[in-house]
């Protein structure tokens, strides 16, 4: 994606970076897309960085990706059994809006556990951290992770908890993440 100026075609809800506060950019606002990963868009505005959800991609003149309907996704499942690898794959679609590396390769996901509900459906619990404890984007990133997990066929519920121990450090970044960031 090139860093060219785009004028918003309509009013658009955004999340301000790094505070995590919700705001609205009016139609006609000039923005520059600085990152487009995991279905969200980080844009530079006249007042700073903001994040635009995939549902509002049309305001940027971008056609959102077609996603299977929930019934179609459930039909594609494997009889209720969920593979842990499928959950990890979905978490690799979640990005910090300021860093072009997914939360798995950043080393932010500390624990992932699959369980069963009373109905026999799969539940998922994730413990994750952030690169900095004061990051206002934490609840947004955690909500993205939860939403992605819930797209896995057979997953009935997902809980994503932000934890601070052990503290994150750059040594937790995977080799793929370090390569992407130019740290190797």
Protein backbone atom coordinates (compact mmCIF):
# COMPACT_ATOMS: atom_id res chain seq x y z
CA UNK A 1 0.00 0.00 0.00
CA UNK A 2 1.49 3.31 -1.03
CA UNK A 3 1.68 6.25 1.34
CA UNK A 4 -0.56 8.56 -0.66
CA UNK A 5 -3.02 11.07 0.66
CA UNK A 6 -6.66 9.95 0.60
CA UNK A 7 -9.70 12.06 1.33
CA UNK A 8 -12.34 10.30 3.43
CA UNK A 9 -15.53 9.90 1.42
CA UNK A 10 -17.72 9.86 4.53
CA UNK A 11 -17.59 10.38 8.28
CA UNK A 12 -15.62 7.57 9.87
CA UNK A 13 -15.20 6.20 13.41
CA UNK A 14 -11.56 5.81 14.44
CA UNK A 15 -9.49 4.75 17.44
CA UNK A 16 -6.81 7.29 18.30
CA UNK A 17 -3.28 5.95 18.67
CA UNK A 18 -1.76 5.49 21.23
CA UNK A 19 -4.52 6.59 23.64
CA UNK A 20 -7.15 4.09 22.40
CA UNK A 21 -9.83 6.79 22.60
CA UNK A 22 -12.70 6.66 20.11
CA UNK A 23 -13.20 9.61 17.79
CA UNK A 24 -14.78 10.50 14.47
CA UNK A 25 -13.07 11.93 11.40
CA UNK A 26 -15.40 14.04 9.26
CA UNK A 27 -15.98 13.40 5.56
CA UNK A 28 -13.36 15.20 3.51
CA UNK A 29 -10.57 14.65 6.06
CA UNK A 30 -7.19 14.01 4.45
CA UNK A 31 -5.42 10.85 5.69
CA UNK A 32 -2.39 8.80 4.68
CA UNK A 33 -2.49 5.02 5.18
CA UNK A 34 0.70 4.06 7.00
CA UNK A 35 -0.16 0.42 7.70
CA UNK A 36 -2.74 -2.02 6.39
CA UNK A 37 -2.50 -5.32 8.23
CA UNK A 38 -4.99 -7.78 9.67
CA UNK A 39 -7.96 -5.99 8.13
CA UNK A 40 -7.38 -2.66 9.88
CA UNK A 41 -5.83 0.55 8.63
CA UNK A 42 -3.48 2.84 10.52
CA UNK A 43 -3.75 6.35 9.11
CA UNK A 44 -1.85 9.56 9.69
CA UNK A 45 -4.24 12.47 10.14
CA UNK A 46 -3.59 16.16 10.63
CA UNK A 47 -3.65 15.57 14.40
CA UNK A 48 -1.82 12.21 14.70
CA UNK A 49 -2.30 8.50 14.11
CA UNK A 50 -5.67 6.75 14.09
CA UNK A 51 -6.94 3.28 13.34
CA UNK A 52 -9.81 2.56 10.98
CA UNK A 53 -11.65 -0.77 11.16
CA UNK A 54 -12.14 -2.97 8.11
CA UNK A 55 -15.89 -2.25 8.28
CA UNK A 56 -15.09 1.38 7.43
CA UNK A 57 -12.63 0.65 4.61
CA UNK A 58 -15.10 2.07 2.08
CA UNK A 59 -14.51 5.55 3.57
CA UNK A 60 -10.91 5.12 2.34
CA UNK A 61 -12.08 3.98 -1.09
CA UNK A 62 -11.09 0.37 -0.30
CA UNK A 63 -13.36 -2.62 -0.85
CA UNK A 64 -13.41 -4.71 2.36
CA UNK A 65 -12.38 -8.37 2.05
CA UNK A 66 -15.28 -10.77 1.56
CA UNK A 67 -15.70 -12.96 4.62
CA UNK A 68 -17.71 -16.18 4.81
CA UNK A 69 -21.04 -15.90 6.54
CA UNK A 70 -21.07 -17.40 10.06
CA UNK A 71 -23.28 -20.30 8.90
CA UNK A 72 -20.85 -21.05 6.06
CA UNK A 73 -17.90 -20.92 8.44
CA UNK A 74 -19.62 -23.29 10.87
CA UNK A 75 -20.45 -25.69 8.04
CA UNK A 76 -16.77 -25.71 7.12
CA UNK A 77 -15.90 -26.92 10.64
CA UNK A 78 -14.73 -30.36 11.64
CA UNK A 79 -17.63 -31.55 13.76
CA UNK A 80 -16.91 -29.25 16.69
CA UNK A 81 -13.26 -30.22 17.16
CA UNK A 82 -11.04 -27.15 17.08
CA UNK A 83 -7.35 -27.40 16.33
CA UNK A 84 -5.15 -25.16 18.46
CA UNK A 85 -3.17 -24.32 15.30
CA UNK A 86 -6.32 -22.76 13.80
CA UNK A 87 -6.61 -20.41 16.78
CA UNK A 88 -2.91 -19.48 16.55
CA UNK A 89 -3.38 -18.80 12.83
CA UNK A 90 -6.20 -16.35 13.57
CA UNK A 91 -4.11 -14.59 16.23
CA UNK A 92 -1.45 -14.04 13.58
CA UNK A 93 -3.98 -11.71 11.90
CA UNK A 94 -3.97 -9.32 14.88
CA UNK A 95 -1.57 -6.38 14.79
CA UNK A 96 -0.48 -3.56 17.01
CA UNK A 97 -1.37 -0.52 14.86
CA UNK A 98 2.10 0.96 15.31
CA UNK A 99 4.15 -2.18 14.63
CA UNK A 100 4.00 -4.20 11.37
CA UNK A 101 4.34 -7.55 13.15
CA UNK A 102 1.47 -9.71 14.42
CA UNK A 103 0.94 -10.23 18.16
CA UNK A 104 2.11 -13.86 18.01
CA UNK A 105 5.45 -13.03 16.38
CA UNK A 106 5.85 -10.05 18.73
CA UNK A 107 5.70 -12.55 21.59
CA UNK A 108 2.67 -10.89 23.16
CA UNK A 109 0.60 -14.08 23.52
CA UNK A 110 1.72 -15.86 26.68
CA UNK A 111 -0.88 -18.62 26.95
CA UNK A 112 -3.62 -20.17 24.84
CA UNK A 113 -5.93 -22.83 26.28
CA UNK A 114 -8.79 -24.73 24.68
CA UNK A 115 -11.63 -25.99 26.81
CA UNK A 116 -15.17 -27.33 26.43
CA UNK A 117 -18.42 -25.71 27.49
CA UNK A 118 -21.33 -27.67 28.98
CA UNK A 119 -22.75 -27.96 25.46
CA UNK A 120 -19.51 -29.53 24.25
CA UNK A 121 -18.47 -26.52 22.17
CA UNK A 122 -14.91 -25.22 22.33
CA UNK A 123 -13.97 -22.29 24.54
CA UNK A 124 -10.69 -20.44 24.17
CA UNK A 125 -8.80 -18.52 26.84
CA UNK A 126 -5.81 -16.37 25.95
CA UNK A 127 -3.41 -14.47 28.18
CA UNK A 128 -1.50 -11.76 26.39
CA UNK A 129 0.48 -8.64 27.16
CA UNK A 130 1.43 -5.44 25.37
CA UNK A 131 4.77 -3.92 24.44
CA UNK A 132 4.13 -1.20 27.06
CA UNK A 133 1.79 -1.36 30.09
CA UNK A 134 0.46 2.18 29.50
CA UNK A 135 -0.65 1.48 25.92
CA UNK A 136 -4.21 2.70 25.50
CA UNK A 137 -4.67 0.37 22.54
CA UNK A 138 -4.63 -2.71 24.80
CA UNK A 139 -8.41 -3.19 25.01
CA UNK A 140 -8.71 -2.67 21.25
CA UNK A 141 -6.00 -5.21 20.46
CA UNK A 142 -7.50 -7.70 22.93
CA UNK A 143 -10.96 -7.22 21.36
CA UNK A 144 -9.44 -7.82 17.90
CA UNK A 145 -7.86 -11.04 19.17
CA UNK A 146 -11.18 -12.19 20.65
CA UNK A 147 -13.04 -11.39 17.41
CA UNK A 148 -10.50 -13.33 15.35
CA UNK A 149 -10.70 -16.35 17.65
CA UNK A 150 -14.49 -16.37 17.36
CA UNK A 151 -14.16 -16.78 13.56
CA UNK A 152 -12.69 -20.27 14.06
CA UNK A 153 -15.43 -22.82 13.31
CA UNK A 154 -16.46 -24.66 16.47
CA UNK A 155 -15.36 -21.93 18.90
CA UNK A 156 -18.31 -20.91 21.06
CA UNK A 157 -16.63 -18.36 23.30
CA UNK A 158 -13.29 -16.62 23.74
CA UNK A 159 -11.75 -14.68 26.59
CA UNK A 160 -8.62 -12.57 26.14
CA UNK A 161 -6.99 -11.34 29.33
CA UNK A 162 -4.27 -8.68 29.43
CA UNK A 163 -1.48 -9.63 31.85
CA UNK A 164 1.74 -7.85 32.79
CA UNK A 165 3.90 -10.63 34.15
CA UNK A 166 6.38 -11.40 32.91
CA UNK A 167 7.04 -7.96 31.42
CA UNK A 168 7.43 -8.05 27.64
CA UNK A 169 10.85 -7.44 26.13
CA UNK A 170 12.32 -7.56 22.64
CA UNK A 171 13.85 -10.97 23.34
CA UNK A 172 10.31 -12.39 23.09
CA UNK A 173 9.99 -11.48 19.40
CA UNK A 174 10.16 -14.52 17.09
CA UNK A 175 12.86 -14.82 14.46
CA UNK A 176 10.27 -13.98 11.77
CA UNK A 177 9.24 -10.89 13.72
CA UNK A 178 12.85 -9.78 14.19
CA UNK A 179 13.45 -10.17 10.46
CA UNK A 180 10.37 -8.08 9.65
CA UNK A 181 11.56 -5.35 12.04
CA UNK A 182 15.16 -5.51 10.76
CA UNK A 183 16.53 -6.66 14.13
CA UNK A 184 18.63 -9.54 12.71
